[in-house]
PDB file of all heavy atoms in Angstrom:
ATOM      1  N   ALA A   1     -42.516 -61.737 -21.412  1.00  0.00           N
ATOM      2  CA  ALA A   1     -42.950 -60.560 -20.639  1.00  0.00           C
ATOM      3  C   ALA A   1     -42.837 -59.288 -21.471  1.00  0.00           C
ATOM      4  O   ALA A   1     -43.727 -58.426 -21.434  1.00  0.00           O
ATOM      5  CB  ALA A   1     -42.094 -60.441 -19.372  1.00  0.00           C
ATOM      6  N   LYS A   2     -41.749 -59.163 -22.261  1.00  0.00           N
ATOM      7  CA  LYS A   2     -41.590 -58.000 -23.139  1.00  0.00           C
ATOM      8  C   LYS A   2     -42.706 -57.926 -24.168  1.00  0.00           C
ATOM      9  O   LYS A   2     -43.273 -56.861 -24.444  1.00  0.00           O
ATOM     10  CB  LYS A   2     -40.246 -58.067 -23.853  1.00  0.00           C
ATOM     11  CG  LYS A   2     -39.084 -57.573 -23.019  1.00  0.00           C
ATOM     12  CD  LYS A   2     -37.805 -57.601 -23.846  1.00  0.00           C
ATOM     13  CE  LYS A   2     -36.617 -57.170 -23.004  1.00  0.00           C
ATOM     14  NZ  LYS A   2     -35.365 -57.218 -23.790  1.00  0.00           N
ATOM     15  N   LYS A   3     -43.029 -59.078 -24.785  1.00  0.00           N
ATOM     16  CA  LYS A   3     -44.102 -59.106 -25.795  1.00  0.00           C
ATOM     17  C   LYS A   3     -45.437 -58.697 -25.196  1.00  0.00           C
ATOM     18  O   LYS A   3     -46.227 -57.986 -25.818  1.00  0.00           O
ATOM     19  CB  LYS A   3     -44.191 -60.504 -26.402  1.00  0.00           C
ATOM     20  CG  LYS A   3     -43.075 -60.804 -27.383  1.00  0.00           C
ATOM     21  CD  LYS A   3     -43.228 -62.187 -27.970  1.00  0.00           C
ATOM     22  CE  LYS A   3     -42.100 -62.493 -28.928  1.00  0.00           C
ATOM     23  NZ  LYS A   3     -42.184 -63.858 -29.473  1.00  0.00           N
ATOM     24  N   ARG A   4     -45.700 -59.174 -23.969  1.00  0.00           N
ATOM     25  CA  ARG A   4     -46.969 -58.808 -23.317  1.00  0.00           C
ATOM     26  C   ARG A   4     -47.035 -57.309 -23.068  1.00  0.00           C
ATOM     27  O   ARG A   4     -48.073 -56.669 -23.271  1.00  0.00           O
ATOM     28  CB  ARG A   4     -47.096 -59.565 -21.996  1.00  0.00           C
ATOM     29  CG  ARG A   4     -47.384 -61.041 -22.159  1.00  0.00           C
ATOM     30  CD  ARG A   4     -47.828 -61.660 -20.855  1.00  0.00           C
ATOM     31  NE  ARG A   4     -47.804 -63.107 -20.911  1.00  0.00           N
ATOM     32  CZ  ARG A   4     -46.824 -63.861 -20.406  1.00  0.00           C
ATOM     33  NH1 ARG A   4     -45.795 -63.296 -19.784  1.00  0.00           N
ATOM     34  NH2 ARG A   4     -46.880 -65.174 -20.509  1.00  0.00           N
ATOM     35  N   ASN A   5     -45.912 -56.720 -22.641  1.00  0.00           N
ATOM     36  CA  ASN A   5     -45.877 -55.263 -22.413  1.00  0.00           C
ATOM     37  C   ASN A   5     -46.091 -54.488 -23.705  1.00  0.00           C
ATOM     38  O   ASN A   5     -46.809 -53.481 -23.736  1.00  0.00           O
ATOM     39  CB  ASN A   5     -44.535 -54.866 -21.793  1.00  0.00           C
ATOM     40  CG  ASN A   5     -44.384 -55.382 -20.368  1.00  0.00           C
ATOM     41  OD1 ASN A   5     -45.384 -55.529 -19.661  1.00  0.00           O
ATOM     42  ND2 ASN A   5     -43.168 -55.671 -19.962  1.00  0.00           N
ATOM     43  N   GLN A   6     -45.477 -54.962 -24.799  1.00  0.00           N
ATOM     44  CA  GLN A   6     -45.659 -54.291 -26.087  1.00  0.00           C
ATOM     45  C   GLN A   6     -47.104 -54.349 -26.552  1.00  0.00           C
ATOM     46  O   GLN A   6     -47.653 -53.380 -27.070  1.00  0.00           O
ATOM     47  CB  GLN A   6     -44.745 -54.923 -27.135  1.00  0.00           C
ATOM     48  CG  GLN A   6     -43.280 -54.568 -26.963  1.00  0.00           C
ATOM     49  CD  GLN A   6     -42.395 -55.298 -27.944  1.00  0.00           C
ATOM     50  OE1 GLN A   6     -42.886 -56.067 -28.765  1.00  0.00           O
ATOM     51  NE2 GLN A   6     -41.090 -55.074 -27.839  1.00  0.00           N
ATOM     52  N   GLN A   7     -47.733 -55.534 -26.397  1.00  0.00           N
ATOM     53  CA  GLN A   7     -49.143 -55.654 -26.782  1.00  0.00           C
ATOM     54  C   GLN A   7     -50.033 -54.750 -25.942  1.00  0.00           C
ATOM     55  O   GLN A   7     -50.992 -54.160 -26.444  1.00  0.00           O
ATOM     56  CB  GLN A   7     -49.581 -57.110 -26.639  1.00  0.00           C
ATOM     57  CG  GLN A   7     -49.002 -58.015 -27.714  1.00  0.00           C
ATOM     58  CD  GLN A   7     -49.363 -59.462 -27.491  1.00  0.00           C
ATOM     59  OE1 GLN A   7     -50.034 -59.805 -26.513  1.00  0.00           O
ATOM     60  NE2 GLN A   7     -48.913 -60.320 -28.398  1.00  0.00           N
ATOM     61  N   ALA A   8     -49.711 -54.631 -24.656  1.00  0.00           N
ATOM     62  CA  ALA A   8     -50.501 -53.751 -23.791  1.00  0.00           C
ATOM     63  C   ALA A   8     -50.329 -52.292 -24.210  1.00  0.00           C
ATOM     64  O   ALA A   8     -51.293 -51.517 -24.194  1.00  0.00           O
ATOM     65  CB  ALA A   8     -50.072 -53.933 -22.336  1.00  0.00           C
ATOM     66  N   ASN A   9     -49.133 -51.904 -24.623  1.00  0.00           N
ATOM     67  CA  ASN A   9     -48.903 -50.526 -25.070  1.00  0.00           C
ATOM     68  C   ASN A   9     -49.584 -50.249 -26.404  1.00  0.00           C
ATOM     69  O   ASN A   9     -50.054 -49.148 -26.661  1.00  0.00           O
ATOM     70  CB  ASN A   9     -47.404 -50.266 -25.197  1.00  0.00           C
ATOM     71  CG  ASN A   9     -46.711 -50.271 -23.849  1.00  0.00           C
ATOM     72  OD1 ASN A   9     -47.331 -49.932 -22.836  1.00  0.00           O
ATOM     73  ND2 ASN A   9     -45.447 -50.672 -23.821  1.00  0.00           N
ATOM     74  N   LYS A  10     -49.630 -51.278 -27.262  1.00  0.00           N
ATOM     75  CA  LYS A  10     -50.255 -51.091 -28.580  1.00  0.00           C
ATOM     76  C   LYS A  10     -51.758 -50.850 -28.467  1.00  0.00           C
ATOM     77  O   LYS A  10     -52.368 -50.251 -29.344  1.00  0.00           O
ATOM     78  CB  LYS A  10     -49.996 -52.308 -29.457  1.00  0.00           C
ATOM     79  CG  LYS A  10     -48.624 -52.296 -30.095  1.00  0.00           C
ATOM     80  CD  LYS A  10     -48.437 -53.509 -30.978  1.00  0.00           C
ATOM     81  CE  LYS A  10     -47.054 -53.506 -31.596  1.00  0.00           C
ATOM     82  NZ  LYS A  10     -46.828 -54.694 -32.430  1.00  0.00           N
ATOM     83  N   LYS A  11     -52.362 -51.356 -27.413  1.00  0.00           N
ATOM     84  CA  LYS A  11     -53.810 -51.174 -27.248  1.00  0.00           C
ATOM     85  C   LYS A  11     -54.182 -49.705 -27.073  1.00  0.00           C
ATOM     86  O   LYS A  11     -55.288 -49.305 -27.393  1.00  0.00           O
ATOM     87  CB  LYS A  11     -54.297 -51.986 -26.054  1.00  0.00           C
ATOM     88  CG  LYS A  11     -54.343 -53.474 -26.331  1.00  0.00           C
ATOM     89  CD  LYS A  11     -54.824 -54.243 -25.118  1.00  0.00           C
ATOM     90  CE  LYS A  11     -54.833 -55.740 -25.402  1.00  0.00           C
ATOM     91  NZ  LYS A  11     -55.264 -56.512 -24.219  1.00  0.00           N
ATOM     92  N   ASP A  12     -53.258 -48.897 -26.600  1.00  0.00           N
ATOM     93  CA  ASP A  12     -53.519 -47.468 -26.418  1.00  0.00           C
ATOM     94  C   ASP A  12     -53.557 -46.796 -27.790  1.00  0.00           C
ATOM     95  O   ASP A  12     -52.585 -46.864 -28.540  1.00  0.00           O
ATOM     96  CB  ASP A  12     -52.405 -46.848 -25.569  1.00  0.00           C
ATOM     97  CG  ASP A  12     -52.716 -45.412 -25.170  1.00  0.00           C
ATOM     98  OD1 ASP A  12     -53.827 -44.959 -25.491  1.00  0.00           O
ATOM     99  OD2 ASP A  12     -51.855 -44.762 -24.557  1.00  0.00           O
ATOM    100  N   PRO A  13     -54.689 -46.171 -28.209  1.00  0.00           N
ATOM    101  CA  PRO A  13     -54.795 -45.613 -29.570  1.00  0.00           C
ATOM    102  C   PRO A  13     -53.835 -44.464 -29.813  1.00  0.00           C
ATOM    103  O   PRO A  13     -53.345 -44.283 -30.913  1.00  0.00           O
ATOM    104  CB  PRO A  13     -56.249 -45.148 -29.650  1.00  0.00           C
ATOM    105  CG  PRO A  13     -56.654 -44.916 -28.232  1.00  0.00           C
ATOM    106  CD  PRO A  13     -55.903 -45.926 -27.419  1.00  0.00           C
ATOM    107  N   GLY A  14     -53.553 -43.673 -28.769  1.00  0.00           N
ATOM    108  CA  GLY A  14     -52.632 -42.551 -28.955  1.00  0.00           C
ATOM    109  C   GLY A  14     -51.242 -43.034 -29.328  1.00  0.00           C
ATOM    110  O   GLY A  14     -50.593 -42.490 -30.216  1.00  0.00           O
ATOM    111  N   ASP A  15     -50.778 -44.107 -28.632  1.00  0.00           N
ATOM    112  CA  ASP A  15     -49.462 -44.657 -28.938  1.00  0.00           C
ATOM    113  C   ASP A  15     -49.441 -45.256 -30.335  1.00  0.00           C
ATOM    114  O   ASP A  15     -48.453 -45.154 -31.057  1.00  0.00           O
ATOM    115  CB  ASP A  15     -49.090 -45.732 -27.911  1.00  0.00           C
ATOM    116  CG  ASP A  15     -48.875 -45.125 -26.532  1.00  0.00           C
ATOM    117  OD1 ASP A  15     -48.713 -43.897 -26.453  1.00  0.00           O
ATOM    118  OD2 ASP A  15     -48.882 -45.885 -25.542  1.00  0.00           O
ATOM    119  N   LYS A  16     -50.548 -45.915 -30.729  1.00  0.00           N
ATOM    120  CA  LYS A  16     -50.608 -46.523 -32.058  1.00  0.00           C
ATOM    121  C   LYS A  16     -50.479 -45.459 -33.131  1.00  0.00           C
ATOM    122  O   LYS A  16     -49.736 -45.622 -34.112  1.00  0.00           O
ATOM    123  CB  LYS A  16     -51.936 -47.269 -32.215  1.00  0.00           C
ATOM    124  CG  LYS A  16     -52.011 -48.110 -33.475  1.00  0.00           C
ATOM    125  CD  LYS A  16     -53.374 -48.731 -33.654  1.00  0.00           C
ATOM    126  CE  LYS A  16     -53.521 -49.959 -32.809  1.00  0.00           C
ATOM    127  NZ  LYS A  16     -54.789 -50.662 -33.077  1.00  0.00           N
ATOM    128  N   LYS A  17     -51.196 -44.346 -32.966  1.00  0.00           N
ATOM    129  CA  LYS A  17     -51.118 -43.271 -33.958  1.00  0.00           C
ATOM    130  C   LYS A  17     -49.719 -42.677 -34.014  1.00  0.00           C
ATOM    131  O   LYS A  17     -49.192 -42.380 -35.085  1.00  0.00           O
ATOM    132  CB  LYS A  17     -52.140 -42.188 -33.628  1.00  0.00           C
ATOM    133  CG  LYS A  17     -53.566 -42.594 -33.946  1.00  0.00           C
ATOM    134  CD  LYS A  17     -54.507 -41.435 -33.752  1.00  0.00           C
ATOM    135  CE  LYS A  17     -55.931 -41.833 -34.138  1.00  0.00           C
ATOM    136  NZ  LYS A  17     -56.860 -40.705 -33.994  1.00  0.00           N
ATOM    137  N   SER A  18     -49.102 -42.518 -32.862  1.00  0.00           N
ATOM    138  CA  SER A  18     -47.758 -41.923 -32.845  1.00  0.00           C
ATOM    139  C   SER A  18     -46.751 -42.831 -33.529  1.00  0.00           C
ATOM    140  O   SER A  18     -45.894 -42.369 -34.288  1.00  0.00           O
ATOM    141  CB  SER A  18     -47.330 -41.670 -31.404  1.00  0.00           C
ATOM    142  OG  SER A  18     -47.216 -42.890 -30.691  1.00  0.00           O
ATOM    143  N   THR A  19     -46.859 -44.169 -33.307  1.00  0.00           N
ATOM    144  CA  THR A  19     -45.913 -45.090 -33.945  1.00  0.00           C
ATOM    145  C   THR A  19     -46.102 -45.099 -35.455  1.00  0.00           C
ATOM    146  O   THR A  19     -45.127 -45.106 -36.217  1.00  0.00           O
ATOM    147  CB  THR A  19     -46.107 -46.511 -33.402  1.00  0.00           C
ATOM    148  OG1 THR A  19     -47.494 -46.869 -33.502  1.00  0.00           O
ATOM    149  CG2 THR A  19     -45.636 -46.612 -31.961  1.00  0.00           C
ATOM    150  N   THR A  20     -47.357 -45.098 -35.931  1.00  0.00           N
ATOM    151  CA  THR A  20     -47.603 -45.092 -37.379  1.00  0.00           C
ATOM    152  C   THR A  20     -47.084 -43.811 -38.016  1.00  0.00           C
ATOM    153  O   THR A  20     -46.507 -43.836 -39.111  1.00  0.00           O
ATOM    154  CB  THR A  20     -49.104 -45.239 -37.668  1.00  0.00           C
ATOM    155  OG1 THR A  20     -49.823 -44.243 -36.920  1.00  0.00           O
ATOM    156  CG2 THR A  20     -49.592 -46.618 -37.299  1.00  0.00           C
ATOM    157  N   LYS A  21     -47.280 -42.681 -37.321  1.00  0.00           N
ATOM    158  CA  LYS A  21     -46.777 -41.405 -37.854  1.00  0.00           C
ATOM    159  C   LYS A  21     -45.254 -41.388 -37.922  1.00  0.00           C
ATOM    160  O   LYS A  21     -44.668 -40.897 -38.884  1.00  0.00           O
ATOM    161  CB  LYS A  21     -47.272 -40.253 -36.977  1.00  0.00           C
ATOM    162  CG  LYS A  21     -48.727 -39.897 -37.234  1.00  0.00           C
ATOM    163  CD  LYS A  21     -49.199 -38.873 -36.238  1.00  0.00           C
ATOM    164  CE  LYS A  21     -50.698 -38.612 -36.416  1.00  0.00           C
ATOM    165  NZ  LYS A  21     -51.213 -37.708 -35.392  1.00  0.00           N
ATOM    166  N   GLN A  22     -44.625 -41.953 -36.895  1.00  0.00           N
ATOM    167  CA  GLN A  22     -43.164 -42.009 -36.907  1.00  0.00           C
ATOM    168  C   GLN A  22     -42.659 -42.866 -38.060  1.00  0.00           C
ATOM    169  O   GLN A  22     -41.680 -42.518 -38.722  1.00  0.00           O
ATOM    170  CB  GLN A  22     -42.660 -42.585 -35.581  1.00  0.00           C
ATOM    171  CG  GLN A  22     -42.754 -41.594 -34.414  1.00  0.00           C
ATOM    172  CD  GLN A  22     -42.371 -42.231 -33.108  1.00  0.00           C
ATOM    173  OE1 GLN A  22     -42.015 -43.400 -33.063  1.00  0.00           O
ATOM    174  NE2 GLN A  22     -42.474 -41.453 -32.035  1.00  0.00           N
ATOM    175  N   LYS A  23     -43.325 -43.993 -38.327  1.00  0.00           N
ATOM    176  CA  LYS A  23     -42.921 -44.846 -39.442  1.00  0.00           C
ATOM    177  C   LYS A  23     -43.077 -44.121 -40.768  1.00  0.00           C
ATOM    178  O   LYS A  23     -42.198 -44.178 -41.639  1.00  0.00           O
ATOM    179  CB  LYS A  23     -43.764 -46.130 -39.452  1.00  0.00           C
ATOM    180  CG  LYS A  23     -43.368 -47.130 -38.381  1.00  0.00           C
ATOM    181  CD  LYS A  23     -44.254 -48.347 -38.461  1.00  0.00           C
ATOM    182  CE  LYS A  23     -43.895 -49.339 -37.359  1.00  0.00           C
ATOM    183  NZ  LYS A  23     -44.791 -50.519 -37.385  1.00  0.00           N
ATOM    184  N   MET A  24     -44.229 -43.436 -40.947  1.00  0.00           N
ATOM    185  CA  MET A  24     -44.460 -42.703 -42.190  1.00  0.00           C
ATOM    186  C   MET A  24     -43.413 -41.617 -42.383  1.00  0.00           C
ATOM    187  O   MET A  24     -42.900 -41.409 -43.490  1.00  0.00           O
ATOM    188  CB  MET A  24     -45.858 -42.085 -42.174  1.00  0.00           C
ATOM    189  CG  MET A  24     -46.974 -43.110 -42.283  1.00  0.00           C
ATOM    190  SD  MET A  24     -47.029 -43.904 -43.899  1.00  0.00           S
ATOM    191  CE  MET A  24     -47.599 -42.536 -44.897  1.00  0.00           C
ATOM    192  N   LYS A  25     -43.077 -40.921 -41.301  1.00  0.00           N
ATOM    193  CA  LYS A  25     -42.077 -39.857 -41.392  1.00  0.00           C
ATOM    194  C   LYS A  25     -40.712 -40.422 -41.760  1.00  0.00           C
ATOM    195  O   LYS A  25     -39.975 -39.842 -42.563  1.00  0.00           O
ATOM    196  CB  LYS A  25     -41.987 -39.108 -40.064  1.00  0.00           C
ATOM    197  CG  LYS A  25     -43.093 -38.074 -39.886  1.00  0.00           C
ATOM    198  CD  LYS A  25     -42.871 -37.296 -38.611  1.00  0.00           C
ATOM    199  CE  LYS A  25     -43.962 -36.226 -38.442  1.00  0.00           C
ATOM    200  NZ  LYS A  25     -43.787 -35.466 -37.207  1.00  0.00           N
ATOM    201  N   SER A  26     -40.371 -41.557 -41.167  1.00  0.00           N
ATOM    202  CA  SER A  26     -39.058 -42.162 -41.461  1.00  0.00           C
ATOM    203  C   SER A  26     -38.977 -42.596 -42.917  1.00  0.00           C
ATOM    204  O   SER A  26     -37.953 -42.400 -43.582  1.00  0.00           O
ATOM    205  CB  SER A  26     -38.821 -43.363 -40.557  1.00  0.00           C
ATOM    206  OG  SER A  26     -39.789 -44.356 -40.791  1.00  0.00           O
ATOM    207  N   ILE A  27     -40.090 -43.173 -43.456  1.00  0.00           N
ATOM    208  CA  ILE A  27     -40.109 -43.588 -44.866  1.00  0.00           C
ATOM    209  C   ILE A  27     -39.957 -42.381 -45.777  1.00  0.00           C
ATOM    210  O   ILE A  27     -39.194 -42.398 -46.755  1.00  0.00           O
ATOM    211  CB  ILE A  27     -41.413 -44.358 -45.172  1.00  0.00           C
ATOM    212  CG1 ILE A  27     -41.410 -45.720 -44.462  1.00  0.00           C
ATOM    213  CG2 ILE A  27     -41.596 -44.555 -46.675  1.00  0.00           C
ATOM    214  CD1 ILE A  27     -42.762 -46.351 -44.365  1.00  0.00           C
ATOM    215  N   GLN A  28     -40.714 -41.296 -45.470  1.00  0.00           N
ATOM    216  CA  GLN A  28     -40.611 -40.084 -46.288  1.00  0.00           C
ATOM    217  C   GLN A  28     -39.217 -39.470 -46.215  1.00  0.00           C
ATOM    218  O   GLN A  28     -38.689 -38.979 -47.214  1.00  0.00           O
ATOM    219  CB  GLN A  28     -41.652 -39.061 -45.826  1.00  0.00           C
ATOM    220  CG  GLN A  28     -43.074 -39.424 -46.221  1.00  0.00           C
ATOM    221  CD  GLN A  28     -44.074 -38.414 -45.705  1.00  0.00           C
ATOM    222  OE1 GLN A  28     -43.709 -37.454 -45.034  1.00  0.00           O
ATOM    223  NE2 GLN A  28     -45.341 -38.639 -46.014  1.00  0.00           N
ATOM    224  N   GLN A  29     -38.591 -39.543 -45.017  1.00  0.00           N
ATOM    225  CA  GLN A  29     -37.248 -38.973 -44.864  1.00  0.00           C
ATOM    226  C   GLN A  29     -36.238 -39.752 -45.687  1.00  0.00           C
ATOM    227  O   GLN A  29     -35.351 -39.164 -46.320  1.00  0.00           O
ATOM    228  CB  GLN A  29     -36.851 -39.009 -43.384  1.00  0.00           C
ATOM    229  CG  GLN A  29     -35.618 -38.155 -43.053  1.00  0.00           C
ATOM    230  CD  GLN A  29     -35.892 -36.672 -43.203  1.00  0.00           C
ATOM    231  OE1 GLN A  29     -37.033 -36.239 -43.098  1.00  0.00           O
ATOM    232  NE2 GLN A  29     -34.857 -35.912 -43.479  1.00  0.00           N
ATOM    233  N   VAL A  30     -36.378 -41.099 -45.699  1.00  0.00           N
ATOM    234  CA  VAL A  30     -35.460 -41.933 -46.491  1.00  0.00           C
ATOM    235  C   VAL A  30     -35.605 -41.621 -47.971  1.00  0.00           C
ATOM    236  O   VAL A  30     -34.625 -41.488 -48.713  1.00  0.00           O
ATOM    237  CB  VAL A  30     -35.733 -43.434 -46.207  1.00  0.00           C
ATOM    238  CG1 VAL A  30     -35.032 -44.308 -47.228  1.00  0.00           C
ATOM    239  CG2 VAL A  30     -35.275 -43.790 -44.808  1.00  0.00           C
ATOM    240  N   GLN A  31     -36.887 -41.519 -48.449  1.00  0.00           N
ATOM    241  CA  GLN A  31     -37.114 -41.198 -49.862  1.00  0.00           C
ATOM    242  C   GLN A  31     -36.544 -39.828 -50.206  1.00  0.00           C
ATOM    243  O   GLN A  31     -35.937 -39.637 -51.264  1.00  0.00           O
ATOM    244  CB  GLN A  31     -38.614 -41.241 -50.171  1.00  0.00           C
ATOM    245  CG  GLN A  31     -39.193 -42.650 -50.151  1.00  0.00           C
ATOM    246  CD  GLN A  31     -40.681 -42.652 -50.402  1.00  0.00           C
ATOM    247  OE1 GLN A  31     -41.312 -41.595 -50.474  1.00  0.00           O
ATOM    248  NE2 GLN A  31     -41.257 -43.830 -50.523  1.00  0.00           N
ATOM    249  N   LYS A  32     -36.740 -38.866 -49.297  1.00  0.00           N
ATOM    250  CA  LYS A  32     -36.243 -37.512 -49.549  1.00  0.00           C
ATOM    251  C   LYS A  32     -34.716 -37.510 -49.624  1.00  0.00           C
ATOM    252  O   LYS A  32     -34.113 -36.886 -50.509  1.00  0.00           O
ATOM    253  CB  LYS A  32     -36.723 -36.596 -48.426  1.00  0.00           C
ATOM    254  CG  LYS A  32     -36.420 -35.117 -48.654  1.00  0.00           C
ATOM    255  CD  LYS A  32     -36.935 -34.310 -47.490  1.00  0.00           C
ATOM    256  CE  LYS A  32     -36.526 -32.855 -47.601  1.00  0.00           C
ATOM    257  NZ  LYS A  32     -36.953 -32.077 -46.454  1.00  0.00           N
ATOM    258  N   ASN A  33     -34.064 -38.224 -48.682  1.00  0.00           N
ATOM    259  CA  ASN A  33     -32.603 -38.288 -48.684  1.00  0.00           C
ATOM    260  C   ASN A  33     -32.073 -38.946 -49.938  1.00  0.00           C
ATOM    261  O   ASN A  33     -31.057 -38.523 -50.497  1.00  0.00           O
ATOM    262  CB  ASN A  33     -32.119 -39.050 -47.442  1.00  0.00           C
ATOM    263  CG  ASN A  33     -32.371 -38.266 -46.167  1.00  0.00           C
ATOM    264  OD1 ASN A  33     -32.479 -37.050 -46.193  1.00  0.00           O
ATOM    265  ND2 ASN A  33     -32.493 -38.972 -45.058  1.00  0.00           N
ATOM    266  N   SER A  34     -32.763 -40.025 -50.394  1.00  0.00           N
ATOM    267  CA  SER A  34     -32.304 -40.713 -51.611  1.00  0.00           C
ATOM    268  C   SER A  34     -32.425 -39.791 -52.821  1.00  0.00           C
ATOM    269  O   SER A  34     -31.520 -39.741 -53.669  1.00  0.00           O
ATOM    270  CB  SER A  34     -33.126 -41.982 -51.831  1.00  0.00           C
ATOM    271  OG  SER A  34     -34.486 -41.657 -52.078  1.00  0.00           O
ATOM    272  N   LYS A  35     -33.527 -39.019 -52.898  1.00  0.00           N
ATOM    273  CA  LYS A  35     -33.686 -38.091 -54.022  1.00  0.00           C
ATOM    274  C   LYS A  35     -32.634 -36.989 -53.974  1.00  0.00           C
ATOM    275  O   LYS A  35     -32.068 -36.605 -55.005  1.00  0.00           O
ATOM    276  CB  LYS A  35     -35.098 -37.481 -53.990  1.00  0.00           C
ATOM    277  CG  LYS A  35     -36.184 -38.455 -54.419  1.00  0.00           C
ATOM    278  CD  LYS A  35     -37.536 -37.796 -54.407  1.00  0.00           C
ATOM    279  CE  LYS A  35     -38.615 -38.781 -54.849  1.00  0.00           C
ATOM    280  NZ  LYS A  35     -39.946 -38.156 -54.844  1.00  0.00           N
ATOM    281  N   ASN A  36     -32.353 -36.478 -52.783  1.00  0.00           N
ATOM    282  CA  ASN A  36     -31.331 -35.448 -52.648  1.00  0.00           C
ATOM    283  C   ASN A  36     -29.957 -35.958 -53.062  1.00  0.00           C
ATOM    284  O   ASN A  36     -29.192 -35.260 -53.742  1.00  0.00           O
ATOM    285  CB  ASN A  36     -31.268 -34.949 -51.196  1.00  0.00           C
ATOM    286  CG  ASN A  36     -32.514 -34.161 -50.808  1.00  0.00           C
ATOM    287  OD1 ASN A  36     -33.286 -33.765 -51.673  1.00  0.00           O
ATOM    288  ND2 ASN A  36     -32.716 -33.950 -49.526  1.00  0.00           N
ATOM    289  N   SER A  37     -29.646 -37.206 -52.661  1.00  0.00           N
ATOM    290  CA  SER A  37     -28.345 -37.770 -53.030  1.00  0.00           C
ATOM    291  C   SER A  37     -28.258 -37.973 -54.538  1.00  0.00           C
ATOM    292  O   SER A  37     -27.206 -37.742 -55.148  1.00  0.00           O
ATOM    293  CB  SER A  37     -28.133 -39.102 -52.308  1.00  0.00           C
ATOM    294  OG  SER A  37     -29.073 -40.060 -52.758  1.00  0.00           O
ATOM    295  N   PHE A  38     -29.367 -38.392 -55.173  1.00  0.00           N
ATOM    296  CA  PHE A  38     -29.380 -38.576 -56.625  1.00  0.00           C
ATOM    297  C   PHE A  38     -29.095 -37.258 -57.327  1.00  0.00           C
ATOM    298  O   PHE A  38     -28.304 -37.201 -58.277  1.00  0.00           O
ATOM    299  CB  PHE A  38     -30.735 -39.127 -57.073  1.00  0.00           C
ATOM    300  CG  PHE A  38     -30.837 -40.627 -57.004  1.00  0.00           C
ATOM    301  CD1 PHE A  38     -30.221 -41.329 -55.978  1.00  0.00           C
ATOM    302  CD2 PHE A  38     -31.549 -41.344 -57.944  1.00  0.00           C
ATOM    303  CE1 PHE A  38     -30.308 -42.703 -55.892  1.00  0.00           C
ATOM    304  CE2 PHE A  38     -31.638 -42.718 -57.876  1.00  0.00           C
ATOM    305  CZ  PHE A  38     -31.023 -43.396 -56.836  1.00  0.00           C
ATOM    306  N   CYS A  39     -29.749 -36.180 -56.861  1.00  0.00           N
ATOM    307  CA  CYS A  39     -29.541 -34.861 -57.479  1.00  0.00           C
ATOM    308  C   CYS A  39     -28.103 -34.391 -57.295  1.00  0.00           C
ATOM    309  O   CYS A  39     -27.494 -33.841 -58.223  1.00  0.00           O
ATOM    310  CB  CYS A  39     -30.509 -33.842 -56.876  1.00  0.00           C
ATOM    311  SG  CYS A  39     -32.237 -34.137 -57.264  1.00  0.00           S
ATOM    312  N   GLY A  40     -27.541 -34.631 -56.105  1.00  0.00           N
ATOM    313  CA  GLY A  40     -26.161 -34.220 -55.861  1.00  0.00           C
ATOM    314  C   GLY A  40     -25.170 -34.961 -56.737  1.00  0.00           C
ATOM    315  O   GLY A  40     -24.251 -34.360 -57.318  1.00  0.00           O
ATOM    316  N   GLU A  41     -25.355 -36.279 -56.881  1.00  0.00           N
ATOM    317  CA  GLU A  41     -24.463 -37.081 -57.731  1.00  0.00           C
ATOM    318  C   GLU A  41     -24.612 -36.689 -59.195  1.00  0.00           C
ATOM    319  O   GLU A  41     -23.629 -36.663 -59.949  1.00  0.00           O
ATOM    320  CB  GLU A  41     -24.778 -38.569 -57.550  1.00  0.00           C
ATOM    321  CG  GLU A  41     -24.524 -39.114 -56.164  1.00  0.00           C
ATOM    322  CD  GLU A  41     -23.046 -39.193 -55.826  1.00  0.00           C
ATOM    323  OE1 GLU A  41     -22.283 -39.701 -56.652  1.00  0.00           O
ATOM    324  OE2 GLU A  41     -22.675 -38.708 -54.754  1.00  0.00           O
ATOM    325  N   PHE A  42     -25.837 -36.388 -59.604  1.00  0.00           N
ATOM    326  CA  PHE A  42     -26.092 -35.987 -60.990  1.00  0.00           C
ATOM    327  C   PHE A  42     -25.344 -34.681 -61.317  1.00  0.00           C
ATOM    328  O   PHE A  42     -24.727 -34.546 -62.380  1.00  0.00           O
ATOM    329  CB  PHE A  42     -27.600 -35.819 -61.188  1.00  0.00           C
ATOM    330  CG  PHE A  42     -27.997 -35.367 -62.560  1.00  0.00           C
ATOM    331  CD1 PHE A  42     -27.958 -36.238 -63.631  1.00  0.00           C
ATOM    332  CD2 PHE A  42     -28.406 -34.062 -62.793  1.00  0.00           C
ATOM    333  CE1 PHE A  42     -28.320 -35.819 -64.899  1.00  0.00           C
ATOM    334  CE2 PHE A  42     -28.768 -33.638 -64.046  1.00  0.00           C
ATOM    335  CZ  PHE A  42     -28.728 -34.526 -65.104  1.00  0.00           C
ATOM    336  N   LYS A  43     -25.373 -33.724 -60.378  1.00  0.00           N
ATOM    337  CA  LYS A  43     -24.667 -32.453 -60.586  1.00  0.00           C
ATOM    338  C   LYS A  43     -23.153 -32.666 -60.663  1.00  0.00           C
ATOM    339  O   LYS A  43     -22.463 -32.011 -61.448  1.00  0.00           O
ATOM    340  CB  LYS A  43     -25.000 -31.478 -59.459  1.00  0.00           C
ATOM    341  CG  LYS A  43     -26.320 -30.770 -59.648  1.00  0.00           C
ATOM    342  CD  LYS A  43     -26.490 -29.713 -58.583  1.00  0.00           C
ATOM    343  CE  LYS A  43     -27.738 -28.902 -58.851  1.00  0.00           C
ATOM    344  NZ  LYS A  43     -27.921 -27.844 -57.846  1.00  0.00           N
ATOM    345  N   LYS A  44     -22.631 -33.577 -59.841  1.00  0.00           N
ATOM    346  CA  LYS A  44     -21.200 -33.873 -59.874  1.00  0.00           C
ATOM    347  C   LYS A  44     -20.775 -34.383 -61.242  1.00  0.00           C
ATOM    348  O   LYS A  44     -19.722 -33.995 -61.769  1.00  0.00           O
ATOM    349  CB  LYS A  44     -20.863 -34.932 -58.819  1.00  0.00           C
ATOM    350  CG  LYS A  44     -20.830 -34.417 -57.399  1.00  0.00           C
ATOM    351  CD  LYS A  44     -20.502 -35.559 -56.463  1.00  0.00           C
ATOM    352  CE  LYS A  44     -20.653 -35.123 -55.000  1.00  0.00           C
ATOM    353  NZ  LYS A  44     -20.424 -36.256 -54.081  1.00  0.00           N
TER     354      LYS A  44
END
């Protein structure tokens, strides 16, 4: 039943775009945090 509900929600294009944008933002945030930590450790 959960899988069926998820598939029904995915059919909505607005929700699909929002989920893809959230994933892209999370990936960029992780990369940004890793670069910031590298710079901080390098300065130390």
